[in-house]
Amino acid sequence: MMSRLHTPPSLWTTLAITAAATTLLAFHVYLESSLLLLGHDLRAGPAGGPSADERAAWRTEAPAGPALEYEHLAALAPANNWTCVLLHGLGARHASDAYRLRTALLAARPALFAPMAFVVPAAPIRPVAVFPGAPRPAWFDIRDWADPRRDEDVPSLRLNTQRLRHLLARNGVDFSRTIVAGFSQGAVMALLLGLTLDPPPAGIIMLSGYLPMPGDLGALFGRKGGERRGTIVHWLHGAKDGYFPLPAARRGFQQLQDLGLFAPENLAFSSMADLDHAWSAAELELLIRASLDRFLPAPPTPPPA
């Protein structure tokens, strides 16, 4: 019985088979990698930006940990369903500077603020690196006065924004008829809180603050279709501020403008020549005339003659 000889394939045939196998293997690896990354890519923002889960976390209605302490102060005149939220600065025991700010606002424009309710939350007491490590009322940690955004305490920024949002929702606050104002650390929190409220607040007031997380704000809080909030944002700053110097504040405001989160005509920046890290009656008067008088209650319609 004759045996059939096995003729080895030619060199060209061997090379062709090897190339085809290599191509198939490479395609298989590419396909598996693409499928593995697809879920991540669908949930991620811009390259290196926050994921969909991170964006949603800023708006959660059930923050972890204990609720914030706060005081809800009723309107001093017939109420108009407006609310002013006042967020104190770093180290203010019992939210003391927020209460002083309320007194000054009521004195400056009683027709505007007397019909409003006020909500005054208190930040938790925690160690703060710049003190150094001593416990203080603080919305978040600051590690370096020269660069408050170095190693930014994003977890605390996010958690306390969640807590503030939850506090307002629990009290039935109408976000669209709310002015959120803050001093120093409170100014940072006022901006972040205002960016998470839906519907957006009527106004955000930043006194002696700075712009947090400039690299992530657009991806975290940009609105669908490029829609811009109609919120009035007024940032006021002392020219002699030794904690957050005026040039840095101006750069932060320019970055905020460039992000396009708010309509450009609704953004304002004012500096006060003789003011340090504080607010003054003159600054509040400028703020009210430039930005807040538009929220004055409409005068009653006179009865027909």
C-alpha atoms as a PDB file:
ATOM      1  CA  MET A   1       0.000   0.000   0.000  1.00  0.00           C
ATOM      2  CA  MET A   2       1.446   3.294  -1.050  1.00  0.00           C
ATOM      3  CA  SER A   3       1.739   5.976   1.552  1.00  0.00           C
ATOM      4  CA  ARG A   4       0.916   9.559   0.576  1.00  0.00           C
ATOM      5  CA  LEU A   5       3.834  11.875   1.006  1.00  0.00           C
ATOM      6  CA  HIS A   6       3.215  15.074   3.026  1.00  0.00           C
ATOM      7  CA  THR A   7       4.742  17.943   1.119  1.00  0.00           C
ATOM      8  CA  PRO A   8       5.761  20.791   3.448  1.00  0.00           C
ATOM      9  CA  PRO A   9       4.268  24.192   2.543  1.00  0.00           C
ATOM     10  CA  SER A  10       6.418  26.642   0.704  1.00  0.00           C
ATOM     11  CA  LEU A  11       8.103  29.502   2.541  1.00  0.00           C
ATOM     12  CA  TRP A  12       5.655  32.032   1.090  1.00  0.00           C
ATOM     13  CA  THR A  13       2.683  29.940   2.219  1.00  0.00           C
ATOM     14  CA  THR A  14       4.110  29.704   5.741  1.00  0.00           C
ATOM     15  CA  LEU A  15       4.681  33.441   5.898  1.00  0.00           C
ATOM     16  CA  ALA A  16       1.158  34.155   4.648  1.00  0.00           C
ATOM     17  CA  ILE A  17      -0.408  31.839   7.243  1.00  0.00           C
ATOM     18  CA  THR A  18       1.701  33.388  10.025  1.00  0.00           C
ATOM     19  CA  ALA A  19       0.758  36.918   8.976  1.00  0.00           C
ATOM     20  CA  ALA A  20      -2.941  36.036   8.867  1.00  0.00           C
ATOM     21  CA  ALA A  21      -2.778  34.444  12.317  1.00  0.00           C
ATOM     22  CA  THR A  22      -0.952  37.464  13.733  1.00  0.00           C
ATOM     23  CA  THR A  23      -3.549  39.818  12.245  1.00  0.00           C
ATOM     24  CA  LEU A  24      -6.422  37.786  13.706  1.00  0.00           C
ATOM     25  CA  LEU A  25      -4.749  37.726  17.122  1.00  0.00           C
ATOM     26  CA  ALA A  26      -4.152  41.484  17.059  1.00  0.00           C
ATOM     27  CA  PHE A  27      -7.768  42.112  16.058  1.00  0.00           C
ATOM     28  CA  HIS A  28      -8.967  39.839  18.874  1.00  0.00           C
ATOM     29  CA  VAL A  29      -6.870  41.748  21.427  1.00  0.00           C
ATOM     30  CA  TYR A  30      -8.118  45.075  20.039  1.00  0.00           C
ATOM     31  CA  LEU A  31     -11.742  43.909  20.173  1.00  0.00           C
ATOM     32  CA  GLU A  32     -11.445  42.689  23.771  1.00  0.00           C
ATOM     33  CA  SER A  33      -9.750  45.926  24.829  1.00  0.00           C
ATOM     34  CA  SER A  34     -12.414  48.013  23.124  1.00  0.00           C
ATOM     35  CA  LEU A  35     -15.233  46.093  24.796  1.00  0.00           C
ATOM     36  CA  LEU A  36     -13.499  46.371  28.166  1.00  0.00           C
ATOM     37  CA  LEU A  37     -13.127  50.136  27.850  1.00  0.00           C
ATOM     38  CA  LEU A  38     -16.505  50.769  26.264  1.00  0.00           C
ATOM     39  CA  GLY A  39     -18.395  50.843  29.558  1.00  0.00           C
ATOM     40  CA  HIS A  40     -15.843  53.218  31.064  1.00  0.00           C
ATOM     41  CA  ASP A  41     -15.838  55.495  28.029  1.00  0.00           C
ATOM     42  CA  LEU A  42     -19.606  55.718  27.974  1.00  0.00           C
ATOM     43  CA  ARG A  43     -19.620  56.899  31.602  1.00  0.00           C
ATOM     44  CA  ALA A  44     -16.595  59.162  31.524  1.00  0.00           C
ATOM     45  CA  GLY A  45     -16.525  62.846  30.746  1.00  0.00           C
ATOM     46  CA  PRO A  46     -13.768  64.467  28.719  1.00  0.00           C
ATOM     47  CA  ALA A  47     -10.378  62.740  28.692  1.00  0.00           C
ATOM     48  CA  GLY A  48      -9.183  62.643  32.278  1.00  0.00           C
ATOM     49  CA  GLY A  49     -12.396  64.326  33.444  1.00  0.00           C
ATOM     50  CA  PRO A  50     -14.978  63.198  35.989  1.00  0.00           C
ATOM     51  CA  SER A  51     -17.181  60.194  35.286  1.00  0.00           C
ATOM     52  CA  ALA A  52     -20.968  60.211  35.172  1.00  0.00           C
ATOM     53  CA  ASP A  53     -20.995  58.741  38.688  1.00  0.00           C
ATOM     54  CA  GLU A  54     -18.778  61.564  39.947  1.00  0.00           C
ATOM     55  CA  ARG A  55     -21.017  64.171  38.344  1.00  0.00           C
ATOM     56  CA  ALA A  56     -24.127  62.588  39.862  1.00  0.00           C
ATOM     57  CA  ALA A  57     -22.496  62.387  43.299  1.00  0.00           C
ATOM     58  CA  TRP A  58     -22.499  66.179  43.626  1.00  0.00           C
ATOM     59  CA  ARG A  59     -26.293  66.162  43.355  1.00  0.00           C
ATOM     60  CA  THR A  60     -27.091  63.231  45.643  1.00  0.00           C
ATOM     61  CA  GLU A  61     -30.071  63.653  47.938  1.00  0.00           C
ATOM     62  CA  ALA A  62     -28.728  61.267  50.590  1.00  0.00           C
ATOM     63  CA  PRO A  63     -25.273  62.429  51.752  1.00  0.00           C
ATOM     64  CA  ALA A  64     -23.265  60.261  54.108  1.00  0.00           C
ATOM     65  CA  GLY A  65     -22.697  61.120  57.739  1.00  0.00           C
ATOM     66  CA  PRO A  66     -24.537  63.454  60.115  1.00  0.00           C
ATOM     67  CA  ALA A  67     -26.637  66.344  58.853  1.00  0.00           C
ATOM     68  CA  LEU A  68     -25.352  69.882  59.229  1.00  0.00           C
ATOM     69  CA  GLU A  69     -26.475  72.041  62.115  1.00  0.00           C
ATOM     70  CA  TYR A  70     -28.290  75.158  60.958  1.00  0.00           C
ATOM     71  CA  GLU A  71     -30.793  77.837  61.892  1.00  0.00           C
ATOM     72  CA  HIS A  72     -33.797  78.726  59.746  1.00  0.00           C
ATOM     73  CA  LEU A  73     -34.761  82.330  60.520  1.00  0.00           C
ATOM     74  CA  ALA A  74     -38.239  83.428  59.531  1.00  0.00           C
ATOM     75  CA  ALA A  75     -38.869  86.589  57.533  1.00  0.00           C
ATOM     76  CA  LEU A  76     -39.159  89.790  59.564  1.00  0.00           C
ATOM     77  CA  ALA A  77     -41.848  91.195  57.251  1.00  0.00           C
ATOM     78  CA  PRO A  78     -44.680  89.465  55.397  1.00  0.00           C
ATOM     79  CA  ALA A  79     -42.882  86.581  53.703  1.00  0.00           C
ATOM     80  CA  ASN A  80     -42.447  86.466  49.926  1.00  0.00           C
ATOM     81  CA  ASN A  81     -41.157  82.860  49.680  1.00  0.00           C
ATOM     82  CA  TRP A  82     -37.601  84.047  49.049  1.00  0.00           C
ATOM     83  CA  THR A  83     -34.651  82.604  50.965  1.00  0.00           C
ATOM     84  CA  CYS A  84     -31.130  83.876  51.561  1.00  0.00           C
ATOM     85  CA  VAL A  85     -28.557  81.198  52.454  1.00  0.00           C
ATOM     86  CA  LEU A  86     -25.498  82.561  54.300  1.00  0.00           C
ATOM     87  CA  LEU A  87     -22.332  80.435  54.458  1.00  0.00           C
ATOM     88  CA  HIS A  88     -19.670  81.448  56.972  1.00  0.00           C
ATOM     89  CA  GLY A  89     -15.908  81.452  56.608  1.00  0.00           C
ATOM     90  CA  LEU A  90     -13.164  79.257  58.026  1.00  0.00           C
ATOM     91  CA  GLY A  91     -12.975  79.269  61.819  1.00  0.00           C
ATOM     92  CA  ALA A  92     -16.218  81.183  62.438  1.00  0.00           C
ATOM     93  CA  ARG A  93     -17.602  79.684  65.646  1.00  0.00           C
ATOM     94  CA  HIS A  94     -21.371  79.193  65.566  1.00  0.00           C
ATOM     95  CA  ALA A  95     -21.444  80.707  62.050  1.00  0.00           C
ATOM     96  CA  SER A  96     -20.797  84.096  63.674  1.00  0.00           C
ATOM     97  CA  ASP A  97     -19.740  85.998  60.556  1.00  0.00           C
ATOM     98  CA  ALA A  98     -22.855  84.796  58.695  1.00  0.00           C
ATOM     99  CA  TYR A  99     -25.088  86.277  61.407  1.00  0.00           C
ATOM    100  CA  ARG A 100     -23.200  89.578  61.223  1.00  0.00           C
ATOM    101  CA  LEU A 101     -23.673  89.540  57.458  1.00  0.00           C
ATOM    102  CA  ARG A 102     -27.416  89.006  57.877  1.00  0.00           C
ATOM    103  CA  THR A 103     -27.628  91.997  60.224  1.00  0.00           C
ATOM    104  CA  ALA A 104     -25.736  94.172  57.737  1.00  0.00           C
ATOM    105  CA  LEU A 105     -27.900  93.099  54.779  1.00  0.00           C
ATOM    106  CA  LEU A 106     -31.109  93.800  56.680  1.00  0.00           C
ATOM    107  CA  ALA A 107     -29.815  97.243  57.636  1.00  0.00           C
ATOM    108  CA  ALA A 108     -28.644  98.026  54.102  1.00  0.00           C
ATOM    109  CA  ARG A 109     -31.856  97.118  52.285  1.00  0.00           C
ATOM    110  CA  PRO A 110     -34.754  96.152  54.569  1.00  0.00           C
ATOM    111  CA  ALA A 111     -37.259  96.255  51.704  1.00  0.00           C
ATOM    112  CA  LEU A 112     -35.311  93.464  49.996  1.00  0.00           C
ATOM    113  CA  PHE A 113     -34.206  91.301  52.902  1.00  0.00           C
ATOM    114  CA  ALA A 114     -36.907  91.690  55.584  1.00  0.00           C
ATOM    115  CA  PRO A 115     -39.451  89.604  53.594  1.00  0.00           C
ATOM    116  CA  MET A 116     -36.849  86.850  53.092  1.00  0.00           C
ATOM    117  CA  ALA A 117     -36.223  83.853  55.288  1.00  0.00           C
ATOM    118  CA  PHE A 118     -32.569  83.185  56.129  1.00  0.00           C
ATOM    119  CA  VAL A 119     -30.870  79.799  56.396  1.00  0.00           C
ATOM    120  CA  VAL A 120     -27.565  79.849  58.303  1.00  0.00           C
ATOM    121  CA  PRO A 121     -25.765  76.474  58.287  1.00  0.00           C
ATOM    122  CA  ALA A 122     -22.723  75.689  60.433  1.00  0.00           C
ATOM    123  CA  ALA A 123     -19.709  73.832  59.062  1.00  0.00           C
ATOM    124  CA  PRO A 124     -18.491  70.754  60.947  1.00  0.00           C
ATOM    125  CA  ILE A 125     -15.503  71.111  63.271  1.00  0.00           C
ATOM    126  CA  ARG A 126     -12.457  69.352  61.846  1.00  0.00           C
ATOM    127  CA  PRO A 127      -8.644  69.568  61.767  1.00  0.00           C
ATOM    128  CA  VAL A 128      -7.325  72.236  59.404  1.00  0.00           C
ATOM    129  CA  ALA A 129      -3.771  71.960  58.091  1.00  0.00           C
ATOM    130  CA  VAL A 130      -2.986  75.685  57.976  1.00  0.00           C
ATOM    131  CA  PHE A 131      -3.674  76.091  61.721  1.00  0.00           C
ATOM    132  CA  PRO A 132      -1.782  73.515  61.860  1.00  0.00           C
ATOM    133  CA  GLY A 133      -4.097  70.578  62.351  1.00  0.00           C
ATOM    134  CA  ALA A 134      -6.081  72.324  65.097  1.00  0.00           C
ATOM    135  CA  PRO A 135      -9.843  71.737  64.979  1.00  0.00           C
ATOM    136  CA  ARG A 136     -11.862  74.593  63.513  1.00  0.00           C
ATOM    137  CA  PRO A 137     -15.301  75.030  61.941  1.00  0.00           C
ATOM    138  CA  ALA A 138     -14.383  74.400  58.303  1.00  0.00           C
ATOM    139  CA  TRP A 139     -16.179  73.381  55.136  1.00  0.00           C
ATOM    140  CA  PHE A 140     -12.973  71.780  53.835  1.00  0.00           C
ATOM    141  CA  ASP A 141      -9.256  71.585  54.586  1.00  0.00           C
ATOM    142  CA  ILE A 142      -6.753  74.156  53.331  1.00  0.00           C
ATOM    143  CA  ARG A 143      -3.140  72.986  53.205  1.00  0.00           C
ATOM    144  CA  ASP A 144      -1.389  76.137  51.977  1.00  0.00           C
ATOM    145  CA  TRP A 145      -2.494  79.779  52.216  1.00  0.00           C
ATOM    146  CA  ALA A 146      -0.202  80.649  49.313  1.00  0.00           C
ATOM    147  CA  ASP A 147      -2.028  78.145  47.092  1.00  0.00           C
ATOM    148  CA  PRO A 148      -5.401  77.118  48.565  1.00  0.00           C
ATOM    149  CA  ARG A 149      -5.979  74.774  45.610  1.00  0.00           C
ATOM    150  CA  ARG A 150      -2.876  72.676  46.334  1.00  0.00           C
ATOM    151  CA  ASP A 151      -3.990  69.120  47.156  1.00  0.00           C
ATOM    152  CA  GLU A 152      -7.562  70.400  47.118  1.00  0.00           C
ATOM    153  CA  ASP A 153      -9.867  68.673  49.599  1.00  0.00           C
ATOM    154  CA  VAL A 154     -12.397  67.611  46.972  1.00  0.00           C
ATOM    155  CA  PRO A 155     -14.081  64.918  49.143  1.00  0.00           C
ATOM    156  CA  SER A 156     -15.051  67.530  51.766  1.00  0.00           C
ATOM    157  CA  LEU A 157     -16.083  70.063  49.125  1.00  0.00           C
ATOM    158  CA  ARG A 158     -18.383  67.465  47.605  1.00  0.00           C
ATOM    159  CA  LEU A 159     -19.753  66.067  50.876  1.00  0.00           C
ATOM    160  CA  ASN A 160     -20.625  69.461  52.352  1.00  0.00           C
ATOM    161  CA  THR A 161     -22.164  70.601  49.073  1.00  0.00           C
ATOM    162  CA  GLN A 162     -24.342  67.480  49.247  1.00  0.00           C
ATOM    163  CA  ARG A 163     -25.254  68.250  52.858  1.00  0.00           C
ATOM    164  CA  LEU A 164     -26.176  71.847  52.064  1.00  0.00           C
ATOM    165  CA  ARG A 165     -28.296  70.803  49.119  1.00  0.00           C
ATOM    166  CA  HIS A 166     -30.039  68.168  51.258  1.00  0.00           C
ATOM    167  CA  LEU A 167     -30.660  70.715  54.031  1.00  0.00           C
ATOM    168  CA  LEU A 168     -32.378  73.141  51.650  1.00  0.00           C
ATOM    169  CA  ALA A 169     -34.449  70.411  49.998  1.00  0.00           C
ATOM    170  CA  ARG A 170     -35.552  69.103  53.400  1.00  0.00           C
ATOM    171  CA  ASN A 171     -36.764  72.596  54.321  1.00  0.00           C
ATOM    172  CA  GLY A 172     -38.776  72.965  51.128  1.00  0.00           C
ATOM    173  CA  VAL A 173     -36.712  75.906  49.858  1.00  0.00           C
ATOM    174  CA  ASP A 174     -37.651  77.139  46.384  1.00  0.00           C
ATOM    175  CA  PHE A 175     -34.230  77.146  44.726  1.00  0.00           C
ATOM    176  CA  SER A 176     -35.329  79.553  41.995  1.00  0.00           C
ATOM    177  CA  ARG A 177     -36.189  82.159  44.672  1.00  0.00           C
ATOM    178  CA  THR A 178     -32.946  81.753  46.604  1.00  0.00           C
ATOM    179  CA  ILE A 179     -29.813  83.870  46.963  1.00  0.00           C
ATOM    180  CA  VAL A 180     -26.738  81.927  48.115  1.00  0.00           C
ATOM    181  CA  ALA A 181     -24.034  84.096  49.679  1.00  0.00           C
ATOM    182  CA  GLY A 182     -20.784  83.197  51.376  1.00  0.00           C
ATOM    183  CA  PHE A 183     -17.617  84.708  52.814  1.00  0.00           C
ATOM    184  CA  SER A 184     -14.116  83.216  52.300  1.00  0.00           C
ATOM    185  CA  GLN A 185     -14.540  79.414  52.470  1.00  0.00           C
ATOM    186  CA  GLY A 186     -18.265  80.102  52.419  1.00  0.00           C
ATOM    187  CA  ALA A 187     -17.864  81.889  49.066  1.00  0.00           C
ATOM    188  CA  VAL A 188     -16.327  78.739  47.588  1.00  0.00           C
ATOM    189  CA  MET A 189     -19.213  76.684  48.962  1.00  0.00           C
ATOM    190  CA  ALA A 190     -21.778  79.215  47.704  1.00  0.00           C
ATOM    191  CA  LEU A 191     -20.504  78.754  44.147  1.00  0.00           C
ATOM    192  CA  LEU A 192     -20.475  74.953  44.360  1.00  0.00           C
ATOM    193  CA  LEU A 193     -23.913  74.816  45.977  1.00  0.00           C
ATOM    194  CA  GLY A 194     -25.327  77.195  43.385  1.00  0.00           C
ATOM    195  CA  LEU A 195     -23.952  75.007  40.596  1.00  0.00           C
ATOM    196  CA  THR A 196     -25.728  71.907  41.942  1.00  0.00           C
ATOM    197  CA  LEU A 197     -29.173  73.398  42.596  1.00  0.00           C
ATOM    198  CA  ASP A 198     -31.877  72.589  40.062  1.00  0.00           C
ATOM    199  CA  PRO A 199     -33.578  74.848  39.224  1.00  0.00           C
ATOM    200  CA  PRO A 200     -30.600  77.196  39.595  1.00  0.00           C
ATOM    201  CA  PRO A 201     -30.688  79.869  42.306  1.00  0.00           C
ATOM    202  CA  ALA A 202     -31.516  83.481  41.519  1.00  0.00           C
ATOM    203  CA  GLY A 203     -28.152  84.728  42.768  1.00  0.00           C
ATOM    204  CA  ILE A 204     -24.716  83.628  43.995  1.00  0.00           C
ATOM    205  CA  ILE A 205     -22.664  86.097  46.046  1.00  0.00           C
ATOM    206  CA  MET A 206     -18.948  85.432  46.618  1.00  0.00           C
ATOM    207  CA  LEU A 207     -17.231  87.638  49.207  1.00  0.00           C
ATOM    208  CA  SER A 208     -13.425  87.251  49.429  1.00  0.00           C
ATOM    209  CA  GLY A 209     -13.359  83.754  47.960  1.00  0.00           C
ATOM    210  CA  TYR A 210     -11.542  81.862  45.233  1.00  0.00           C
ATOM    211  CA  LEU A 211     -12.420  79.556  42.340  1.00  0.00           C
ATOM    212  CA  PRO A 212     -12.281  75.878  43.358  1.00  0.00           C
ATOM    213  CA  MET A 213     -11.397  72.983  41.039  1.00  0.00           C
ATOM    214  CA  PRO A 214     -11.087  75.068  37.863  1.00  0.00           C
ATOM    215  CA  GLY A 215     -10.025  72.042  35.822  1.00  0.00           C
ATOM    216  CA  ASP A 216     -13.169  70.065  36.662  1.00  0.00           C
ATOM    217  CA  LEU A 217     -15.983  72.611  37.031  1.00  0.00           C
ATOM    218  CA  GLY A 218     -16.918  72.602  33.351  1.00  0.00           C
ATOM    219  CA  ALA A 219     -17.126  68.806  33.122  1.00  0.00           C
ATOM    220  CA  LEU A 220     -18.922  68.492  36.463  1.00  0.00           C
ATOM    221  CA  PHE A 221     -21.471  71.259  36.086  1.00  0.00           C
ATOM    222  CA  GLY A 222     -21.780  72.095  32.392  1.00  0.00           C
ATOM    223  CA  ARG A 223     -25.368  71.913  31.199  1.00  0.00           C
ATOM    224  CA  LYS A 224     -26.715  69.921  28.268  1.00  0.00           C
ATOM    225  CA  GLY A 225     -26.567  71.609  24.910  1.00  0.00           C
ATOM    226  CA  GLY A 226     -24.373  74.386  26.285  1.00  0.00           C
ATOM    227  CA  GLU A 227     -27.325  75.928  28.151  1.00  0.00           C
ATOM    228  CA  ARG A 228     -26.186  78.606  30.593  1.00  0.00           C
ATOM    229  CA  ARG A 229     -27.711  79.359  33.935  1.00  0.00           C
ATOM    230  CA  GLY A 230     -29.611  82.628  34.319  1.00  0.00           C
ATOM    231  CA  THR A 231     -28.198  83.019  37.832  1.00  0.00           C
ATOM    232  CA  ILE A 232     -26.688  86.376  38.815  1.00  0.00           C
ATOM    233  CA  VAL A 233     -23.114  85.836  40.091  1.00  0.00           C
ATOM    234  CA  HIS A 234     -21.301  88.719  41.819  1.00  0.00           C
ATOM    235  CA  TRP A 235     -17.775  88.190  43.145  1.00  0.00           C
ATOM    236  CA  LEU A 236     -16.520  90.952  45.466  1.00  0.00           C
ATOM    237  CA  HIS A 237     -12.958  91.148  46.759  1.00  0.00           C
ATOM    238  CA  GLY A 238     -10.735  93.405  48.838  1.00  0.00           C
ATOM    239  CA  ALA A 239      -7.654  94.833  47.118  1.00  0.00           C
ATOM    240  CA  LYS A 240      -5.665  94.272  50.332  1.00  0.00           C
ATOM    241  CA  ASP A 241      -6.779  90.669  50.920  1.00  0.00           C
ATOM    242  CA  GLY A 242      -3.762  88.899  52.419  1.00  0.00           C
ATOM    243  CA  TYR A 243      -5.203  85.385  52.268  1.00  0.00           C
ATOM    244  CA  PHE A 244      -6.553  85.254  48.712  1.00  0.00           C
ATOM    245  CA  PRO A 245      -4.776  88.130  46.901  1.00  0.00           C
ATOM    246  CA  LEU A 246      -6.696  90.245  44.424  1.00  0.00           C
ATOM    247  CA  PRO A 247      -4.657  89.232  41.320  1.00  0.00           C
ATOM    248  CA  ALA A 248      -5.445  85.563  41.996  1.00  0.00           C
ATOM    249  CA  ALA A 249      -9.115  86.435  42.487  1.00  0.00           C
ATOM    250  CA  ARG A 250      -9.183  88.258  39.144  1.00  0.00           C
ATOM    251  CA  ARG A 251      -7.629  85.227  37.433  1.00  0.00           C
ATOM    252  CA  GLY A 252     -10.210  82.982  39.077  1.00  0.00           C
ATOM    253  CA  PHE A 253     -13.035  85.189  37.872  1.00  0.00           C
ATOM    254  CA  GLN A 254     -11.625  85.143  34.326  1.00  0.00           C
ATOM    255  CA  GLN A 255     -11.503  81.339  34.482  1.00  0.00           C
ATOM    256  CA  LEU A 256     -15.109  81.294  35.672  1.00  0.00           C
ATOM    257  CA  GLN A 257     -16.106  83.484  32.727  1.00  0.00           C
ATOM    258  CA  ASP A 258     -14.222  81.250  30.299  1.00  0.00           C
ATOM    259  CA  LEU A 259     -16.006  78.123  31.565  1.00  0.00           C
ATOM    260  CA  GLY A 260     -19.316  79.437  30.223  1.00  0.00           C
ATOM    261  CA  LEU A 261     -21.368  78.039  33.111  1.00  0.00           C
ATOM    262  CA  PHE A 262     -23.298  81.306  33.473  1.00  0.00           C
ATOM    263  CA  ALA A 263     -24.561  83.856  30.988  1.00  0.00           C
ATOM    264  CA  PRO A 264     -21.718  86.402  30.590  1.00  0.00           C
ATOM    265  CA  GLU A 265     -24.018  89.365  31.176  1.00  0.00           C
ATOM    266  CA  ASN A 266     -24.895  87.908  34.603  1.00  0.00           C
ATOM    267  CA  LEU A 267     -21.291  87.721  35.860  1.00  0.00           C
ATOM    268  CA  ALA A 268     -19.779  90.651  37.768  1.00  0.00           C
ATOM    269  CA  PHE A 269     -16.526  91.258  39.645  1.00  0.00           C
ATOM    270  CA  SER A 270     -15.929  94.203  41.988  1.00  0.00           C
ATOM    271  CA  SER A 271     -12.848  95.107  44.026  1.00  0.00           C
ATOM    272  CA  MET A 272     -12.739  97.412  47.039  1.00  0.00           C
ATOM    273  CA  ALA A 273      -9.588  99.536  47.302  1.00  0.00           C
ATOM    274  CA  ASP A 274      -9.168  99.687  51.085  1.00  0.00           C
ATOM    275  CA  LEU A 275     -10.598  96.301  52.047  1.00  0.00           C
ATOM    276  CA  ASP A 276      -8.624  93.315  53.318  1.00  0.00           C
ATOM    277  CA  HIS A 277      -9.989  89.787  53.895  1.00  0.00           C
ATOM    278  CA  ALA A 278     -13.354  91.050  55.081  1.00  0.00           C
ATOM    279  CA  TRP A 279     -16.566  92.649  53.887  1.00  0.00           C
ATOM    280  CA  SER A 280     -17.769  96.177  54.558  1.00  0.00           C
ATOM    281  CA  ALA A 281     -20.965  98.214  54.467  1.00  0.00           C
ATOM    282  CA  ALA A 282     -19.703 100.016  51.348  1.00  0.00           C
ATOM    283  CA  GLU A 283     -19.078  96.697  49.611  1.00  0.00           C
ATOM    284  CA  LEU A 284     -22.564  95.444  50.466  1.00  0.00           C
ATOM    285  CA  GLU A 285     -24.112  98.671  49.195  1.00  0.00           C
ATOM    286  CA  LEU A 286     -22.259  98.241  45.890  1.00  0.00           C
ATOM    287  CA  LEU A 287     -23.440  94.622  45.705  1.00  0.00           C
ATOM    288  CA  ILE A 288     -27.059  95.506  46.363  1.00  0.00           C
ATOM    289  CA  ARG A 289     -27.188  98.382  43.883  1.00  0.00           C
ATOM    290  CA  ALA A 290     -25.368  96.479  41.132  1.00  0.00           C
ATOM    291  CA  SER A 291     -26.921  93.033  41.467  1.00  0.00           C
ATOM    292  CA  LEU A 292     -29.599  92.533  44.098  1.00  0.00           C
ATOM    293  CA  ASP A 293     -32.012  95.449  43.778  1.00  0.00           C
ATOM    294  CA  ARG A 294     -33.496  93.670  40.756  1.00  0.00           C
ATOM    295  CA  PHE A 295     -34.967  91.163  43.237  1.00  0.00           C
ATOM    296  CA  LEU A 296     -36.857  93.827  45.201  1.00  0.00           C
ATOM    297  CA  PRO A 297     -40.536  92.947  45.543  1.00  0.00           C
ATOM    298  CA  ALA A 298     -42.663  94.709  42.960  1.00  0.00           C
ATOM    299  CA  PRO A 299     -44.673  97.577  44.437  1.00  0.00           C
ATOM    300  CA  PRO A 300     -48.357  96.798  44.892  1.00  0.00           C
ATOM    301  CA  THR A 301     -50.579  97.694  41.989  1.00  0.00           C
ATOM    302  CA  PRO A 302     -52.688 100.732  42.903  1.00  0.00           C
ATOM    303  CA  PRO A 303     -56.431 100.152  42.871  1.00  0.00           C
ATOM    304  CA  PRO A 304     -58.284 101.429  39.811  1.00  0.00           C
ATOM    305  CA  ALA A 305     -59.476 105.017  40.084  1.00  0.00           C
END
